[in-house]
């Protein structure tokens, strides 16, 4: 039986390069913190780095955004010409990650068939979105992918495996070839990777986990995977059917992690509303001992929101949209209470809304029953725990 999982030929930087400089955090983190990216620039310097192969979202609205996108494609070609990459045989990479919040998280880097993925709210695909996909977010990402010859994803897929059937044996093996082992920059913890050559056996284990046709849900990087799908649809439309199965753009590189892994923690994604009259905006929220929080001038007040993480997100986002449409302003998505308090303390026209977190055990059941959740209902841990770009794959 055909699987949605494919064994890719993964690209890594050649031996001897500075891996600490090479690996950088997902582009959709620290979107209101230019100081983070300035510090990272200093740390990386002129060394080969995935910072040059991706576009941090904080720069999406900058005047030089198109130049940055053009530069990504140029750097990829330059790195290839300079022999920066080595290509592994077909197989997977078992990844062990330690963070300041968790002693270990284990995932496996593999490729998935984009023909088996859908971001529609109601879907019977093997790979489904956990949250609503904002189509307007795809075009700027598509610009990058259309010009790039390689992909370096931060996508993390979740699978429902309470008995650890898929990776349990692999975790205990001591004979796997170590590919990398280093300390991540900017407080990201430690990561090590091991080559898995017996991929067919692993694929078989994953296939046995399917429930109602569902194997994976997108935990992080939904819009990146949606962008990969959009590019594949464009390419596919110009290809004869005989060439579609073998085209590298049909397959997207991801890290799959067990929902029940001890390193997977669901955290809320808070809202930071900018450029508003704080007092006027906050009148909507009833004060009291509830499940939410309001931050104005760095001061926290408890507020009452609808029960259930998805319901609370839906209500808050609905109000924010209505308010911004009527009075102007913008919204950002923030991890951590400390950041909300600090940003509202520093900016009088910022208001933070702290949202409740979702129980991870509810995820698969909720999506199977009702389709994808509201956008940014949950985050898999704090910013420092997000996937760092390390592995790559050809898409041309």
Protein backbone atom coordinates (compact mmCIF):
# COMPACT_ATOMS: atom_id res chain seq x y z
CA UNK A 1 0.00 0.00 0.00
CA UNK A 2 1.32 3.43 -0.94
CA UNK A 3 2.26 5.63 2.02
CA UNK A 4 2.20 9.40 2.46
CA UNK A 5 5.77 9.06 3.80
CA UNK A 6 8.80 9.07 1.49
CA UNK A 7 12.49 8.51 2.28
CA UNK A 8 14.35 11.64 1.09
CA UNK A 9 18.01 12.25 0.27
CA UNK A 10 18.64 14.77 3.02
CA UNK A 11 21.17 17.59 2.72
CA UNK A 12 23.38 18.61 5.64
CA UNK A 13 26.32 21.01 5.81
CA UNK A 14 29.63 19.31 5.09
CA UNK A 15 31.82 18.13 7.93
CA UNK A 16 33.85 20.81 9.66
CA UNK A 17 31.39 23.69 9.38
CA UNK A 18 30.22 25.54 12.49
CA UNK A 19 26.85 23.89 13.22
CA UNK A 20 26.04 26.42 15.95
CA UNK A 21 26.09 29.14 13.29
CA UNK A 22 24.38 26.94 10.70
CA UNK A 23 21.19 26.20 12.66
CA UNK A 24 18.79 29.07 13.39
CA UNK A 25 15.30 29.17 14.81
CA UNK A 26 12.06 29.04 12.78
CA UNK A 27 11.35 32.20 10.81
CA UNK A 28 7.95 32.78 12.46
CA UNK A 29 9.41 33.36 15.93
CA UNK A 30 10.25 36.66 17.67
CA UNK A 31 8.16 38.62 15.20
CA UNK A 32 8.11 41.71 17.45
CA UNK A 33 11.68 41.44 18.68
CA UNK A 34 14.22 42.94 16.29
CA UNK A 35 16.86 42.79 19.00
CA UNK A 36 16.76 38.98 18.85
CA UNK A 37 17.51 38.92 15.13
CA UNK A 38 20.19 41.62 15.46
CA UNK A 39 21.95 39.54 18.11
CA UNK A 40 21.64 36.43 15.95
CA UNK A 41 23.19 38.30 13.01
CA UNK A 42 26.19 39.13 15.18
CA UNK A 43 26.55 35.54 16.32
CA UNK A 44 26.38 34.10 12.79
CA UNK A 45 28.58 36.72 11.15
CA UNK A 46 29.93 35.57 7.77
CA UNK A 47 29.72 31.83 8.52
CA UNK A 48 27.48 29.58 6.39
CA UNK A 49 24.06 29.62 8.00
CA UNK A 50 20.42 28.84 7.35
CA UNK A 51 19.83 32.45 8.41
CA UNK A 52 20.85 33.26 4.82
CA UNK A 53 18.50 30.62 3.37
CA UNK A 54 15.28 31.66 5.12
CA UNK A 55 13.37 34.89 5.71
CA UNK A 56 12.53 35.83 9.31
CA UNK A 57 8.95 37.08 9.26
CA UNK A 58 9.90 40.24 11.14
CA UNK A 59 11.28 41.50 7.80
CA UNK A 60 8.18 40.76 5.70
CA UNK A 61 6.98 44.36 5.83
CA UNK A 62 10.39 45.98 5.30
CA UNK A 63 11.26 47.92 2.18
CA UNK A 64 14.09 45.51 1.31
CA UNK A 65 11.95 42.36 1.62
CA UNK A 66 12.13 41.55 -2.12
CA UNK A 67 15.90 42.00 -2.05
CA UNK A 68 16.13 39.55 0.83
CA UNK A 69 14.05 37.01 -1.10
CA UNK A 70 16.25 37.36 -4.18
CA UNK A 71 19.35 36.99 -2.01
CA UNK A 72 18.11 33.67 -0.58
CA UNK A 73 18.08 32.05 -4.02
CA UNK A 74 21.51 33.51 -4.78
CA UNK A 75 23.02 32.22 -1.54
CA UNK A 76 21.59 28.73 -2.12
CA UNK A 77 23.30 28.62 -5.53
CA UNK A 78 26.52 29.96 -4.00
CA UNK A 79 26.50 27.39 -1.19
CA UNK A 80 25.94 24.59 -3.71
CA UNK A 81 28.78 25.83 -5.91
CA UNK A 82 31.11 26.10 -2.89
CA UNK A 83 30.40 22.53 -1.78
CA UNK A 84 28.73 23.53 1.48
CA UNK A 85 26.33 20.57 1.38
CA UNK A 86 26.70 16.83 1.62
CA UNK A 87 23.86 14.55 0.52
CA UNK A 88 22.89 11.53 2.61
CA UNK A 89 21.63 8.27 1.11
CA UNK A 90 17.87 7.74 1.19
CA UNK A 91 16.73 7.58 4.78
CA UNK A 92 15.53 9.50 7.81
CA UNK A 93 17.19 11.48 10.59
CA UNK A 94 16.28 10.70 14.19
CA UNK A 95 16.50 13.98 16.12
CA UNK A 96 17.00 14.34 19.86
CA UNK A 97 16.44 17.83 21.24
CA UNK A 98 16.98 19.24 24.74
CA UNK A 99 15.57 22.66 25.60
CA UNK A 100 15.52 24.90 28.68
CA UNK A 101 11.97 23.58 29.27
CA UNK A 102 12.29 19.87 28.49
CA UNK A 103 15.08 17.29 28.99
CA UNK A 104 14.37 15.52 25.69
CA UNK A 105 12.15 15.53 22.62
CA UNK A 106 12.58 12.88 19.93
CA UNK A 107 11.41 13.28 16.33
CA UNK A 108 12.23 11.90 12.91
CA UNK A 109 12.94 13.96 9.80
CA UNK A 110 11.22 12.48 6.75
CA UNK A 111 9.46 13.62 3.59
CA UNK A 112 5.72 13.57 2.97
CA UNK A 113 3.76 13.43 -0.26
CA UNK A 114 1.94 16.73 -0.74
CA UNK A 115 -0.75 14.88 -2.68
CA UNK A 116 -1.71 13.38 0.71
CA UNK A 117 -1.95 16.76 2.50
CA UNK A 118 -4.85 19.17 2.75
CA UNK A 119 -5.31 22.41 4.67
CA UNK A 120 -9.08 22.53 4.08
CA UNK A 121 -11.09 22.81 7.32
CA UNK A 122 -12.89 19.52 6.62
CA UNK A 123 -10.69 16.89 5.00
CA UNK A 124 -10.10 13.15 4.82
CA UNK A 125 -6.42 13.49 3.84
CA UNK A 126 -3.71 11.53 5.63
CA UNK A 127 -2.00 14.82 6.59
CA UNK A 128 -4.24 17.62 7.86
CA UNK A 129 -3.93 21.14 9.20
CA UNK A 130 -4.67 21.64 12.88
CA UNK A 131 -5.62 25.28 12.41
CA UNK A 132 -7.25 27.53 9.86
CA UNK A 133 -4.94 28.48 7.01
CA UNK A 134 -4.81 32.17 6.09
CA UNK A 135 -4.45 32.15 2.31
CA UNK A 136 -3.06 35.71 2.30
CA UNK A 137 0.02 34.44 4.14
CA UNK A 138 1.01 32.10 1.31
CA UNK A 139 2.10 34.54 -1.49
CA UNK A 140 5.19 36.04 0.23
CA UNK A 141 6.36 32.55 1.18
CA UNK A 142 5.63 31.31 -2.32
CA UNK A 143 7.94 34.00 -3.74
CA UNK A 144 10.81 32.45 -1.81
CA UNK A 145 9.99 28.88 -2.73
CA UNK A 146 9.47 29.65 -6.42
CA UNK A 147 13.05 30.90 -6.71
CA UNK A 148 14.80 28.48 -4.35
CA UNK A 149 16.37 25.18 -5.40
CA UNK A 150 16.37 23.80 -1.85
CA UNK A 151 14.02 23.80 1.13
CA UNK A 152 14.93 24.08 4.80
CA UNK A 153 11.74 23.51 6.74
CA UNK A 154 10.69 24.16 10.33
CA UNK A 155 7.53 22.06 9.88
CA UNK A 156 6.69 19.68 12.72
CA UNK A 157 4.03 17.02 12.25
CA UNK A 158 2.26 15.34 15.15
CA UNK A 159 1.13 11.72 15.21
CA UNK A 160 -1.05 9.92 17.75
CA UNK A 161 1.05 7.12 19.27
CA UNK A 162 0.49 6.70 23.04
CA UNK A 163 2.34 3.34 23.06
CA UNK A 164 5.35 4.74 21.12
CA UNK A 165 5.12 2.06 18.44
CA UNK A 166 6.70 4.07 15.62
CA UNK A 167 9.98 5.16 17.20
CA UNK A 168 10.25 3.19 20.44
CA UNK A 169 12.78 0.69 19.08
CA UNK A 170 14.81 3.35 17.27
CA UNK A 171 15.22 5.38 20.46
CA UNK A 172 16.88 2.41 22.16
CA UNK A 173 19.33 1.60 19.36
CA UNK A 174 22.99 2.44 19.88
CA UNK A 175 24.20 1.52 16.38
CA UNK A 176 22.78 4.52 14.50
CA UNK A 177 25.33 6.76 12.79
CA UNK A 178 25.61 10.12 14.55
CA UNK A 179 25.33 12.97 12.05
CA UNK A 180 25.56 15.99 14.34
CA UNK A 181 25.64 16.84 18.04
CA UNK A 182 25.92 20.47 19.16
CA UNK A 183 24.65 23.31 21.31
CA UNK A 184 22.11 25.55 19.59
CA UNK A 185 22.54 29.32 19.54
CA UNK A 186 20.33 31.89 21.30
CA UNK A 187 19.36 29.59 24.19
CA UNK A 188 17.79 26.87 22.03
CA UNK A 189 19.30 24.00 24.00
CA UNK A 190 21.08 20.98 22.50
CA UNK A 191 20.36 18.85 19.42
CA UNK A 192 21.75 15.61 17.99
CA UNK A 193 20.85 13.72 14.83
CA UNK A 194 21.27 10.05 13.79
CA UNK A 195 20.90 8.47 10.36
CA UNK A 196 18.14 5.86 9.92
CA UNK A 197 18.73 3.65 6.88
CA UNK A 198 16.00 1.02 7.40
CA UNK A 199 13.26 3.43 6.43
CA UNK A 200 10.83 0.88 4.98
CA UNK A 201 10.34 -0.74 8.38
CA UNK A 202 9.72 2.69 9.96
CA UNK A 203 7.19 3.61 7.28
CA UNK A 204 5.33 0.36 7.96
CA UNK A 205 5.08 1.21 11.65
CA UNK A 206 3.69 4.65 10.89
CA UNK A 207 1.10 3.22 8.51
CA UNK A 208 -0.27 1.04 11.32
CA UNK A 209 -1.02 4.19 13.32
CA UNK A 210 -3.58 5.55 10.83
CA UNK A 211 -7.05 6.19 12.23
CA UNK A 212 -9.92 7.03 9.89
CA UNK A 213 -7.32 7.69 7.19
CA UNK A 214 -5.50 10.26 9.37
CA UNK A 215 -1.80 9.88 10.21
CA UNK A 216 -0.31 13.35 10.72
CA UNK A 217 -1.52 16.73 11.90
CA UNK A 218 0.59 19.84 11.39
CA UNK A 219 1.79 21.06 14.77
CA UNK A 220 4.12 23.83 13.57
CA UNK A 221 4.70 25.36 10.15
CA UNK A 222 1.20 24.94 8.69
CA UNK A 223 1.64 27.91 6.33
CA UNK A 224 5.03 26.63 5.21
CA UNK A 225 3.52 23.27 4.30
CA UNK A 226 0.60 25.04 2.61
CA UNK A 227 3.13 27.04 0.58
CA UNK A 228 4.91 23.84 -0.46
CA UNK A 229 1.54 22.49 -1.59
CA UNK A 230 0.79 25.68 -3.55
CA UNK A 231 4.09 25.48 -5.41
CA UNK A 232 3.59 21.80 -6.17
CA UNK A 233 0.14 22.50 -7.60
CA UNK A 234 1.67 25.13 -9.93
CA UNK A 235 4.45 22.81 -11.04
CA UNK A 236 2.13 19.81 -11.41
CA UNK A 237 -0.18 21.72 -13.75
CA UNK A 238 2.68 21.97 -16.28
CA UNK A 239 3.96 18.39 -15.94
CA UNK A 240 2.82 15.29 -17.80
CA UNK A 241 1.42 12.72 -15.38
CA UNK A 242 4.35 10.40 -16.02
CA UNK A 243 6.77 12.94 -14.48
CA UNK A 244 4.72 13.98 -11.46
CA UNK A 245 5.57 11.18 -9.07
CA UNK A 246 9.31 11.68 -9.40
CA UNK A 247 9.41 15.46 -9.11
CA UNK A 248 11.19 16.61 -5.91
CA UNK A 249 8.77 19.50 -5.29
CA UNK A 250 5.99 16.96 -4.71
CA UNK A 251 7.62 15.96 -1.41
CA UNK A 252 8.15 18.21 1.61
CA UNK A 253 10.67 17.70 4.39
CA UNK A 254 9.23 17.68 7.93
CA UNK A 255 10.01 16.46 11.41
CA UNK A 256 7.39 14.08 12.83
CA UNK A 257 6.99 13.94 16.62
CA UNK A 258 4.73 11.81 18.78
CA UNK A 259 1.94 13.87 20.37
CA UNK A 260 2.67 11.99 23.61
CA UNK A 261 6.43 12.65 23.60
CA UNK A 262 7.46 14.15 26.95
CA UNK A 263 9.01 17.09 25.09
CA UNK A 264 5.72 18.11 23.43
CA UNK A 265 3.97 20.67 25.60
CA UNK A 266 1.09 22.75 24.37
CA UNK A 267 1.23 26.44 25.28
CA UNK A 268 -1.17 29.24 24.49
CA UNK A 269 -0.38 31.76 21.77
CA UNK A 270 -1.26 35.17 23.14
CA UNK A 271 -2.46 38.21 21.22
CA UNK A 272 -0.66 41.56 21.22
CA UNK A 273 -2.79 44.35 19.78
CA UNK A 274 -0.81 47.41 18.66
CA UNK A 275 -1.69 51.00 17.89
CA UNK A 276 -4.94 51.15 19.88
CA UNK A 277 -6.52 53.17 22.67
CA UNK A 278 -5.83 50.71 25.47
CA UNK A 279 -8.70 51.78 27.71
CA UNK A 280 -11.24 51.78 24.90
CA UNK A 281 -10.09 48.44 23.51
CA UNK A 282 -10.11 46.68 26.88
CA UNK A 283 -13.73 47.55 27.78
CA UNK A 284 -14.87 44.43 25.92
CA UNK A 285 -13.26 42.06 28.41
CA UNK A 286 -15.10 41.27 31.67
CA UNK A 287 -12.74 41.35 34.67
CA UNK A 288 -12.80 38.55 37.21
CA UNK A 289 -11.22 35.25 38.20
CA UNK A 290 -11.36 33.68 34.76
CA UNK A 291 -9.25 31.77 32.28
CA UNK A 292 -7.65 34.74 30.54
CA UNK A 293 -5.52 37.80 31.25
CA UNK A 294 -5.31 41.39 30.06
CA UNK A 295 -2.03 43.32 29.98
CA UNK A 296 -2.00 47.12 29.88
CA UNK A 297 1.10 49.14 30.76
CA UNK A 298 2.78 45.97 31.92
CA UNK A 299 0.06 45.30 34.52
CA UNK A 300 -1.90 42.06 34.44
CA UNK A 301 -5.63 41.75 35.15
CA UNK A 302 -7.60 38.51 35.13
CA UNK A 303 -10.47 38.32 32.63
CA UNK A 304 -13.26 35.87 31.85
CA UNK A 305 -13.20 34.18 28.44
CA UNK A 306 -15.35 31.38 26.97
CA UNK A 307 -14.48 27.91 28.26
CA UNK A 308 -12.21 25.82 26.07
CA UNK A 309 -9.07 27.07 24.31
CA UNK A 310 -10.56 27.01 20.81
CA UNK A 311 -13.73 28.83 21.91
CA UNK A 312 -11.69 31.49 23.75
CA UNK A 313 -9.45 32.05 20.72
CA UNK A 314 -12.45 32.29 18.40
CA UNK A 315 -14.14 34.91 20.60
CA UNK A 316 -11.01 37.03 21.15
CA UNK A 317 -9.98 36.96 17.48
CA UNK A 318 -13.50 37.91 16.43
CA UNK A 319 -13.47 40.96 18.69
CA UNK A 320 -9.96 41.99 17.62
CA UNK A 321 -10.96 41.80 13.93
CA UNK A 322 -14.05 43.93 14.51
CA UNK A 323 -12.15 46.51 16.56
CA UNK A 324 -9.28 46.84 14.09
CA UNK A 325 -11.70 47.17 11.18
CA UNK A 326 -13.46 50.02 12.97
CA UNK A 327 -10.58 51.87 14.62
CA UNK A 328 -7.33 50.64 13.07
CA UNK A 329 -4.29 48.98 14.60
CA UNK A 330 -2.63 45.61 14.13
CA UNK A 331 -2.22 42.28 15.90
CA UNK A 332 0.78 40.08 16.60
CA UNK A 333 1.08 36.60 18.14
CA UNK A 334 3.27 36.24 21.20
CA UNK A 335 4.63 33.35 23.26
CA UNK A 336 4.93 33.79 27.01
CA UNK A 337 3.36 36.04 29.65
CA UNK A 338 6.65 37.83 30.30
CA UNK A 339 6.83 39.12 26.74
CA UNK A 340 3.25 40.45 26.93
CA UNK A 341 3.98 42.29 30.16
CA UNK A 342 7.23 43.78 28.86
CA UNK A 343 5.92 44.87 25.46
CA UNK A 344 2.83 46.55 26.93
CA UNK A 345 4.99 48.25 29.57
CA UNK A 346 7.20 49.71 26.86
CA UNK A 347 4.32 50.78 24.56
CA UNK A 348 1.27 52.63 25.88
CA UNK A 349 -0.76 51.81 22.76
CA UNK A 350 -0.21 48.03 23.07
CA UNK A 351 -2.66 45.67 24.77
CA UNK A 352 -1.91 42.03 25.52
CA UNK A 353 -4.51 39.28 25.82
CA UNK A 354 -3.36 36.12 27.57
CA UNK A 355 -5.25 33.05 26.35
CA UNK A 356 -5.79 29.62 27.97
CA UNK A 357 -3.76 26.65 26.79
CA UNK A 358 -5.20 23.55 25.18
CA UNK A 359 -4.78 20.02 26.53
CA UNK A 360 -2.76 18.19 23.87
CA UNK A 361 -4.73 14.97 24.34
CA UNK A 362 -7.79 16.75 22.90
CA UNK A 363 -6.16 17.62 19.56
CA UNK A 364 -6.82 14.63 17.31
CA UNK A 365 -10.36 14.13 18.59
CA UNK A 366 -11.30 17.78 18.13
CA UNK A 367 -9.97 17.95 14.57
CA UNK A 368 -11.55 14.62 13.60
CA UNK A 369 -14.92 15.81 14.94
CA UNK A 370 -14.94 19.44 13.88
CA UNK A 371 -12.15 20.07 11.42
CA UNK A 372 -9.24 22.46 11.89
CA UNK A 373 -9.09 24.77 14.90
CA UNK A 374 -9.00 28.58 14.80
CA UNK A 375 -5.65 29.96 13.72
CA UNK A 376 -2.94 29.94 16.41
CA UNK A 377 -5.00 28.15 19.05
CA UNK A 378 -1.89 26.53 20.51
CA UNK A 379 1.87 26.48 20.28
CA UNK A 380 4.10 23.50 20.83
CA UNK A 381 6.11 24.95 23.69
CA UNK A 382 7.94 28.26 23.99
CA UNK A 383 9.85 30.09 21.27
CA UNK A 384 13.21 28.57 22.26
CA UNK A 385 11.74 25.08 21.73
CA UNK A 386 10.77 25.65 18.11
CA UNK A 387 12.52 23.71 15.38
CA UNK A 388 15.85 25.05 14.20
CA UNK A 389 16.68 24.80 10.50
CA UNK A 390 19.29 22.05 10.02
CA UNK A 391 18.31 19.54 7.31
CA UNK A 392 17.48 20.47 3.73
CA UNK A 393 16.19 18.84 0.56
CA UNK A 394 16.23 19.58 -3.17
CA UNK A 395 12.96 20.80 -4.66
CA UNK A 396 14.29 21.43 -8.17
